[in-house]
Amino acid sequence: MEWIKLIGILIIVLGFVFKFDTIATVVLAGLATALVSGISFVEFLELLGQQFTNQRVITIFIITLPLVGLSEVFGLKPRAVHLINQIKGLTVGRFYSIYFIIREIAGLLSIRLGGHPQFVRPLVHPMGEAAARTRVSEDLTEEEIEDVKALAAANENFGNFYGQNTFAAAAGVLLISGTLKELGYDFNAANIAISSMMIAVAALIVVAIYNHLFDKKLERNHKKRKGTN
């Protein structure tokens, strides 16, 4: 009957399949696992509260949200767009490639830029859209705006993913090195960070090419549009 203790996994899978509320699904899975394991409802609530208290540091990002809102209200976004408009020859692809490099350097130095809600949405995406409008000298279609927005998110994800393990003391690097040592492999954190740097450089080349192709696609679409008018 030990298998019954895995009922929480089944509940999570079903919850994701049927697209139920994520938090409710996880809490229900934890409660079901606790009850079949002989833990009372009161003890389950105590464990839940204790774990939330122990991991409360992950909710610190909420503090930054009012700061982002105030920055937008007082003109940070328009000033960033104005700055991009003053730079000649800057395309959306080149700008995102520069941001990708900054993101990887930040990962190498273990500097947290904030991510999508604090940095990409209020700054990176509007600046990329401004670069795109400056390049084509006309309005973008709704589909093109969504593509520029998606490209900003993609560069953030790629830069963060491939840059975070280039810092030897990063949590992911320490976890990997510890696991490899337990399995008998002679790898330390520095070896993993160096290997991650090579992957990060390869990712930079691939992403830069993709961003360049996006620029060409955007210019080609607007040339066709002008030709038909």
C-alpha atoms as a PDB file:
ATOM      1  CA  MET A   1       0.000   0.000   0.000  1.00  0.00           C
ATOM      2  CA  GLU A   2       3.033   2.286  -0.112  1.00  0.00           C
ATOM      3  CA  TRP A   3       2.049   3.189  -3.689  1.00  0.00           C
ATOM      4  CA  ILE A   4      -0.973   5.088  -2.368  1.00  0.00           C
ATOM      5  CA  LYS A   5       1.423   7.761  -1.080  1.00  0.00           C
ATOM      6  CA  LEU A   6       2.098   8.696  -4.725  1.00  0.00           C
ATOM      7  CA  ILE A   7      -1.494   9.868  -5.156  1.00  0.00           C
ATOM      8  CA  GLY A   8      -0.263  13.471  -5.011  1.00  0.00           C
ATOM      9  CA  ILE A   9       1.616  13.010  -8.285  1.00  0.00           C
ATOM     10  CA  LEU A  10      -1.549  11.707  -9.944  1.00  0.00           C
ATOM     11  CA  ILE A  11      -3.551  14.690  -8.679  1.00  0.00           C
ATOM     12  CA  ILE A  12      -0.945  17.136 -10.031  1.00  0.00           C
ATOM     13  CA  VAL A  13      -0.890  15.439 -13.438  1.00  0.00           C
ATOM     14  CA  LEU A  14      -4.689  15.451 -13.676  1.00  0.00           C
ATOM     15  CA  GLY A  15      -4.824  19.054 -12.522  1.00  0.00           C
ATOM     16  CA  PHE A  16      -2.415  20.159 -15.237  1.00  0.00           C
ATOM     17  CA  VAL A  17      -4.177  18.067 -17.890  1.00  0.00           C
ATOM     18  CA  PHE A  18      -7.581  19.565 -17.080  1.00  0.00           C
ATOM     19  CA  LYS A  19      -6.054  23.035 -16.515  1.00  0.00           C
ATOM     20  CA  PHE A  20      -7.253  23.476 -12.934  1.00  0.00           C
ATOM     21  CA  ASP A  21      -5.895  26.270 -10.751  1.00  0.00           C
ATOM     22  CA  THR A  22      -2.199  25.496 -10.188  1.00  0.00           C
ATOM     23  CA  ILE A  23      -1.956  26.544  -6.537  1.00  0.00           C
ATOM     24  CA  ALA A  24      -5.176  24.749  -5.611  1.00  0.00           C
ATOM     25  CA  THR A  25      -3.978  21.607  -7.396  1.00  0.00           C
ATOM     26  CA  VAL A  26      -0.630  21.566  -5.595  1.00  0.00           C
ATOM     27  CA  VAL A  27      -2.214  22.187  -2.172  1.00  0.00           C
ATOM     28  CA  LEU A  28      -4.812  19.463  -2.791  1.00  0.00           C
ATOM     29  CA  ALA A  29      -2.068  17.044  -3.863  1.00  0.00           C
ATOM     30  CA  GLY A  30      -0.090  17.825  -0.717  1.00  0.00           C
ATOM     31  CA  LEU A  31      -3.170  17.366   1.490  1.00  0.00           C
ATOM     32  CA  ALA A  32      -4.052  14.038  -0.118  1.00  0.00           C
ATOM     33  CA  THR A  33      -0.474  12.788   0.301  1.00  0.00           C
ATOM     34  CA  ALA A  34      -0.440  13.900   3.940  1.00  0.00           C
ATOM     35  CA  LEU A  35      -3.720  12.182   4.792  1.00  0.00           C
ATOM     36  CA  VAL A  36      -2.772   8.814   3.246  1.00  0.00           C
ATOM     37  CA  SER A  37       0.614   9.058   5.015  1.00  0.00           C
ATOM     38  CA  GLY A  38      -0.997   9.369   8.442  1.00  0.00           C
ATOM     39  CA  ILE A  39      -0.511  13.113   8.861  1.00  0.00           C
ATOM     40  CA  SER A  40      -3.515  14.936  10.312  1.00  0.00           C
ATOM     41  CA  PHE A  41      -5.084  17.999   8.725  1.00  0.00           C
ATOM     42  CA  VAL A  42      -3.776  20.252  11.502  1.00  0.00           C
ATOM     43  CA  GLU A  43      -0.245  18.858  11.133  1.00  0.00           C
ATOM     44  CA  PHE A  44      -0.488  19.395   7.373  1.00  0.00           C
ATOM     45  CA  LEU A  45      -1.371  23.049   7.888  1.00  0.00           C
ATOM     46  CA  GLU A  46       1.551  23.439  10.287  1.00  0.00           C
ATOM     47  CA  LEU A  47       3.971  21.928   7.754  1.00  0.00           C
ATOM     48  CA  LEU A  48       2.549  24.094   4.970  1.00  0.00           C
ATOM     49  CA  GLY A  49       2.942  27.258   7.033  1.00  0.00           C
ATOM     50  CA  GLN A  50       6.437  26.333   8.164  1.00  0.00           C
ATOM     51  CA  GLN A  51       7.634  25.649   4.604  1.00  0.00           C
ATOM     52  CA  PHE A  52       6.111  28.901   3.361  1.00  0.00           C
ATOM     53  CA  THR A  53       7.954  30.768   6.115  1.00  0.00           C
ATOM     54  CA  ASN A  54      11.226  29.016   5.297  1.00  0.00           C
ATOM     55  CA  GLN A  55      10.895  29.864   1.583  1.00  0.00           C
ATOM     56  CA  ARG A  56       9.432  33.360   1.965  1.00  0.00           C
ATOM     57  CA  VAL A  57      12.501  34.871   0.302  1.00  0.00           C
ATOM     58  CA  ILE A  58      11.116  33.805  -3.086  1.00  0.00           C
ATOM     59  CA  THR A  59       8.243  36.286  -2.666  1.00  0.00           C
ATOM     60  CA  ILE A  60      10.584  39.288  -2.341  1.00  0.00           C
ATOM     61  CA  PHE A  61      10.053  40.049  -6.045  1.00  0.00           C
ATOM     62  CA  ILE A  62       6.562  41.325  -5.147  1.00  0.00           C
ATOM     63  CA  ILE A  63       8.214  44.341  -3.500  1.00  0.00           C
ATOM     64  CA  THR A  64       9.659  45.400  -6.860  1.00  0.00           C
ATOM     65  CA  LEU A  65       6.277  45.544  -8.609  1.00  0.00           C
ATOM     66  CA  PRO A  66       5.212  48.933  -7.095  1.00  0.00           C
ATOM     67  CA  LEU A  67       8.626  50.333  -8.082  1.00  0.00           C
ATOM     68  CA  VAL A  68       8.092  49.196 -11.665  1.00  0.00           C
ATOM     69  CA  GLY A  69       4.634  50.780 -11.698  1.00  0.00           C
ATOM     70  CA  LEU A  70       5.934  54.094 -10.362  1.00  0.00           C
ATOM     71  CA  SER A  71       8.752  54.093 -12.917  1.00  0.00           C
ATOM     72  CA  GLU A  72       6.254  53.648 -15.738  1.00  0.00           C
ATOM     73  CA  VAL A  73       3.952  56.360 -14.377  1.00  0.00           C
ATOM     74  CA  PHE A  74       6.775  58.895 -14.180  1.00  0.00           C
ATOM     75  CA  GLY A  75       8.047  58.319 -17.695  1.00  0.00           C
ATOM     76  CA  LEU A  76      10.761  55.669 -17.618  1.00  0.00           C
ATOM     77  CA  LYS A  77       9.284  53.871 -20.621  1.00  0.00           C
ATOM     78  CA  PRO A  78       8.951  57.019 -22.850  1.00  0.00           C
ATOM     79  CA  ARG A  79      12.509  58.076 -21.998  1.00  0.00           C
ATOM     80  CA  ALA A  80      13.838  54.637 -22.900  1.00  0.00           C
ATOM     81  CA  VAL A  81      11.976  54.727 -26.216  1.00  0.00           C
ATOM     82  CA  HIS A  82      13.311  58.239 -26.892  1.00  0.00           C
ATOM     83  CA  LEU A  83      16.865  57.008 -26.280  1.00  0.00           C
ATOM     84  CA  ILE A  84      16.448  54.206 -28.827  1.00  0.00           C
ATOM     85  CA  ASN A  85      15.037  56.621 -31.404  1.00  0.00           C
ATOM     86  CA  GLN A  86      18.209  58.724 -31.158  1.00  0.00           C
ATOM     87  CA  ILE A  87      20.518  55.817 -32.065  1.00  0.00           C
ATOM     88  CA  LYS A  88      20.981  55.575 -35.826  1.00  0.00           C
ATOM     89  CA  GLY A  89      21.223  52.166 -37.460  1.00  0.00           C
ATOM     90  CA  LEU A  90      19.964  50.253 -34.434  1.00  0.00           C
ATOM     91  CA  THR A  91      17.538  47.496 -35.383  1.00  0.00           C
ATOM     92  CA  VAL A  92      15.358  45.438 -33.093  1.00  0.00           C
ATOM     93  CA  GLY A  93      17.511  42.363 -33.734  1.00  0.00           C
ATOM     94  CA  ARG A  94      20.752  44.187 -32.914  1.00  0.00           C
ATOM     95  CA  PHE A  95      19.245  45.687 -29.777  1.00  0.00           C
ATOM     96  CA  TYR A  96      18.031  42.307 -28.548  1.00  0.00           C
ATOM     97  CA  SER A  97      21.431  40.765 -29.303  1.00  0.00           C
ATOM     98  CA  ILE A  98      23.066  43.473 -27.186  1.00  0.00           C
ATOM     99  CA  TYR A  99      20.581  42.759 -24.412  1.00  0.00           C
ATOM    100  CA  PHE A 100      21.360  39.054 -24.714  1.00  0.00           C
ATOM    101  CA  ILE A 101      25.055  39.792 -24.177  1.00  0.00           C
ATOM    102  CA  ILE A 102      24.216  41.959 -21.153  1.00  0.00           C
ATOM    103  CA  ARG A 103      22.033  39.152 -19.793  1.00  0.00           C
ATOM    104  CA  GLU A 104      24.834  36.603 -20.106  1.00  0.00           C
ATOM    105  CA  ILE A 105      27.391  38.944 -18.522  1.00  0.00           C
ATOM    106  CA  ALA A 106      24.946  39.518 -15.667  1.00  0.00           C
ATOM    107  CA  GLY A 107      24.699  35.754 -15.223  1.00  0.00           C
ATOM    108  CA  LEU A 108      28.493  35.445 -15.213  1.00  0.00           C
ATOM    109  CA  LEU A 109      28.696  38.050 -12.435  1.00  0.00           C
ATOM    110  CA  SER A 110      25.611  36.675 -10.651  1.00  0.00           C
ATOM    111  CA  ILE A 111      23.728  39.958 -11.061  1.00  0.00           C
ATOM    112  CA  ARG A 112      19.942  39.626 -11.069  1.00  0.00           C
ATOM    113  CA  LEU A 113      18.302  42.010 -13.531  1.00  0.00           C
ATOM    114  CA  GLY A 114      14.760  41.132 -12.529  1.00  0.00           C
ATOM    115  CA  GLY A 115      13.232  39.152 -15.368  1.00  0.00           C
ATOM    116  CA  HIS A 116      10.044  39.657 -17.383  1.00  0.00           C
ATOM    117  CA  PRO A 117       7.764  41.712 -15.075  1.00  0.00           C
ATOM    118  CA  GLN A 118      10.464  43.992 -13.679  1.00  0.00           C
ATOM    119  CA  PHE A 119      12.703  44.528 -16.711  1.00  0.00           C
ATOM    120  CA  VAL A 120      11.519  43.063 -20.021  1.00  0.00           C
ATOM    121  CA  ARG A 121       7.938  44.325 -20.052  1.00  0.00           C
ATOM    122  CA  PRO A 122       8.531  47.935 -18.932  1.00  0.00           C
ATOM    123  CA  LEU A 123      11.883  48.500 -20.703  1.00  0.00           C
ATOM    124  CA  VAL A 124      13.293  45.898 -23.085  1.00  0.00           C
ATOM    125  CA  HIS A 125      10.172  45.256 -25.149  1.00  0.00           C
ATOM    126  CA  PRO A 126       9.230  48.964 -25.625  1.00  0.00           C
ATOM    127  CA  MET A 127      12.815  49.769 -26.623  1.00  0.00           C
ATOM    128  CA  GLY A 128      12.825  46.874 -29.094  1.00  0.00           C
ATOM    129  CA  GLU A 129       9.526  47.996 -30.568  1.00  0.00           C
ATOM    130  CA  ALA A 130      10.890  51.545 -30.924  1.00  0.00           C
ATOM    131  CA  ALA A 131      13.947  50.192 -32.756  1.00  0.00           C
ATOM    132  CA  ALA A 132      11.683  48.243 -35.108  1.00  0.00           C
ATOM    133  CA  ARG A 133       9.516  51.279 -35.887  1.00  0.00           C
ATOM    134  CA  THR A 134      12.579  53.458 -36.515  1.00  0.00           C
ATOM    135  CA  ARG A 135      14.008  50.923 -38.933  1.00  0.00           C
ATOM    136  CA  VAL A 136      10.927  50.486 -41.120  1.00  0.00           C
ATOM    137  CA  SER A 137       9.741  54.112 -40.806  1.00  0.00           C
ATOM    138  CA  GLU A 138       6.084  53.112 -40.565  1.00  0.00           C
ATOM    139  CA  ASP A 139       3.565  51.522 -38.251  1.00  0.00           C
ATOM    140  CA  LEU A 140       3.921  47.867 -37.351  1.00  0.00           C
ATOM    141  CA  THR A 141       1.084  45.421 -37.791  1.00  0.00           C
ATOM    142  CA  GLU A 142      -0.446  43.780 -34.742  1.00  0.00           C
ATOM    143  CA  GLU A 143       1.225  40.496 -35.688  1.00  0.00           C
ATOM    144  CA  GLU A 144       4.636  42.193 -35.968  1.00  0.00           C
ATOM    145  CA  ILE A 145       4.181  43.842 -32.574  1.00  0.00           C
ATOM    146  CA  GLU A 146       3.446  40.438 -31.048  1.00  0.00           C
ATOM    147  CA  ASP A 147       6.527  38.987 -32.779  1.00  0.00           C
ATOM    148  CA  VAL A 148       8.724  41.764 -31.345  1.00  0.00           C
ATOM    149  CA  LYS A 149       7.234  41.156 -27.915  1.00  0.00           C
ATOM    150  CA  ALA A 150       7.839  37.399 -28.202  1.00  0.00           C
ATOM    151  CA  LEU A 151      11.422  37.982 -29.346  1.00  0.00           C
ATOM    152  CA  ALA A 152      12.092  40.127 -26.263  1.00  0.00           C
ATOM    153  CA  ALA A 153      10.807  37.349 -24.011  1.00  0.00           C
ATOM    154  CA  ALA A 154      12.826  34.735 -25.901  1.00  0.00           C
ATOM    155  CA  ASN A 155      16.089  36.666 -25.567  1.00  0.00           C
ATOM    156  CA  GLU A 156      15.442  37.108 -21.849  1.00  0.00           C
ATOM    157  CA  ASN A 157      14.809  33.391 -21.402  1.00  0.00           C
ATOM    158  CA  PHE A 158      17.796  32.305 -23.477  1.00  0.00           C
ATOM    159  CA  GLY A 159      20.173  34.801 -21.865  1.00  0.00           C
ATOM    160  CA  ASN A 160      19.104  33.838 -18.363  1.00  0.00           C
ATOM    161  CA  PHE A 161      19.121  30.100 -19.066  1.00  0.00           C
ATOM    162  CA  TYR A 162      22.535  29.919 -20.711  1.00  0.00           C
ATOM    163  CA  GLY A 163      24.154  32.595 -18.563  1.00  0.00           C
ATOM    164  CA  GLN A 164      23.175  31.557 -15.048  1.00  0.00           C
ATOM    165  CA  ASN A 165      25.497  28.524 -14.842  1.00  0.00           C
ATOM    166  CA  THR A 166      28.573  30.462 -15.958  1.00  0.00           C
ATOM    167  CA  PHE A 167      28.909  31.672 -12.360  1.00  0.00           C
ATOM    168  CA  ALA A 168      30.815  28.993 -10.430  1.00  0.00           C
ATOM    169  CA  ALA A 169      28.957  29.632  -7.161  1.00  0.00           C
ATOM    170  CA  ALA A 170      25.473  29.553  -8.711  1.00  0.00           C
ATOM    171  CA  ALA A 171      23.004  27.207  -7.031  1.00  0.00           C
ATOM    172  CA  GLY A 172      22.566  25.157 -10.203  1.00  0.00           C
ATOM    173  CA  VAL A 173      26.316  24.707 -10.639  1.00  0.00           C
ATOM    174  CA  LEU A 174      26.787  23.618  -7.020  1.00  0.00           C
ATOM    175  CA  LEU A 175      23.902  21.169  -7.346  1.00  0.00           C
ATOM    176  CA  ILE A 176      25.361  19.648 -10.511  1.00  0.00           C
ATOM    177  CA  SER A 177      28.889  19.397  -9.101  1.00  0.00           C
ATOM    178  CA  GLY A 178      27.617  17.849  -5.862  1.00  0.00           C
ATOM    179  CA  THR A 179      25.543  15.304  -7.733  1.00  0.00           C
ATOM    180  CA  LEU A 180      28.449  14.369 -10.025  1.00  0.00           C
ATOM    181  CA  LYS A 181      30.790  13.922  -7.058  1.00  0.00           C
ATOM    182  CA  GLU A 182      28.295  11.592  -5.393  1.00  0.00           C
ATOM    183  CA  LEU A 183      28.219   9.544  -8.596  1.00  0.00           C
ATOM    184  CA  GLY A 184      31.996   9.296  -8.629  1.00  0.00           C
ATOM    185  CA  TYR A 185      32.833  11.888 -11.307  1.00  0.00           C
ATOM    186  CA  ASP A 186      35.750  14.251 -10.692  1.00  0.00           C
ATOM    187  CA  PHE A 187      34.070  17.531 -11.619  1.00  0.00           C
ATOM    188  CA  ASN A 188      34.172  20.687  -9.551  1.00  0.00           C
ATOM    189  CA  ALA A 189      32.109  23.840  -9.875  1.00  0.00           C
ATOM    190  CA  ALA A 190      34.813  25.648 -11.882  1.00  0.00           C
ATOM    191  CA  ASN A 191      34.861  22.895 -14.532  1.00  0.00           C
ATOM    192  CA  ILE A 192      31.087  23.114 -14.930  1.00  0.00           C
ATOM    193  CA  ALA A 193      31.174  26.924 -15.138  1.00  0.00           C
ATOM    194  CA  ILE A 194      33.845  26.821 -17.858  1.00  0.00           C
ATOM    195  CA  SER A 195      31.825  24.276 -19.838  1.00  0.00           C
ATOM    196  CA  SER A 196      28.749  26.479 -19.408  1.00  0.00           C
ATOM    197  CA  MET A 197      30.689  29.453 -20.806  1.00  0.00           C
ATOM    198  CA  MET A 198      31.340  27.565 -24.039  1.00  0.00           C
ATOM    199  CA  ILE A 199      27.651  26.756 -24.332  1.00  0.00           C
ATOM    200  CA  ALA A 200      26.789  30.388 -23.573  1.00  0.00           C
ATOM    201  CA  VAL A 201      29.038  31.592 -26.409  1.00  0.00           C
ATOM    202  CA  ALA A 202      27.457  29.088 -28.798  1.00  0.00           C
ATOM    203  CA  ALA A 203      24.000  30.263 -27.705  1.00  0.00           C
ATOM    204  CA  LEU A 204      25.030  33.879 -28.333  1.00  0.00           C
ATOM    205  CA  ILE A 205      26.035  33.071 -31.910  1.00  0.00           C
ATOM    206  CA  VAL A 206      22.811  31.190 -32.623  1.00  0.00           C
ATOM    207  CA  VAL A 207      20.601  33.871 -31.043  1.00  0.00           C
ATOM    208  CA  ALA A 208      22.443  36.699 -32.845  1.00  0.00           C
ATOM    209  CA  ILE A 209      21.871  34.944 -36.189  1.00  0.00           C
ATOM    210  CA  TYR A 210      18.210  34.422 -35.356  1.00  0.00           C
ATOM    211  CA  ASN A 211      17.802  38.094 -34.384  1.00  0.00           C
ATOM    212  CA  HIS A 212      19.496  39.147 -37.631  1.00  0.00           C
ATOM    213  CA  LEU A 213      17.121  36.953 -39.644  1.00  0.00           C
ATOM    214  CA  PHE A 214      14.207  38.550 -37.807  1.00  0.00           C
ATOM    215  CA  ASP A 215      15.449  41.991 -38.926  1.00  0.00           C
ATOM    216  CA  LYS A 216      15.638  40.812 -42.528  1.00  0.00           C
ATOM    217  CA  LYS A 217      12.169  39.307 -42.341  1.00  0.00           C
ATOM    218  CA  LEU A 218      10.722  42.526 -40.915  1.00  0.00           C
ATOM    219  CA  GLU A 219      12.344  44.675 -43.613  1.00  0.00           C
ATOM    220  CA  ARG A 220      11.272  42.262 -46.361  1.00  0.00           C
ATOM    221  CA  ASN A 221       7.644  42.317 -45.223  1.00  0.00           C
ATOM    222  CA  HIS A 222       7.562  46.127 -45.241  1.00  0.00           C
ATOM    223  CA  LYS A 223       9.182  46.308 -48.670  1.00  0.00           C
ATOM    224  CA  LYS A 224       6.447  44.022 -50.015  1.00  0.00           C
ATOM    225  CA  ARG A 225       3.829  46.152 -48.330  1.00  0.00           C
ATOM    226  CA  LYS A 226       5.221  49.302 -49.937  1.00  0.00           C
ATOM    227  CA  GLY A 227       5.321  47.584 -53.312  1.00  0.00           C
ATOM    228  CA  THR A 228       1.660  46.686 -53.162  1.00  0.00           C
ATOM    229  CA  ASN A 229       0.566  50.206 -52.161  1.00  0.00           C
END
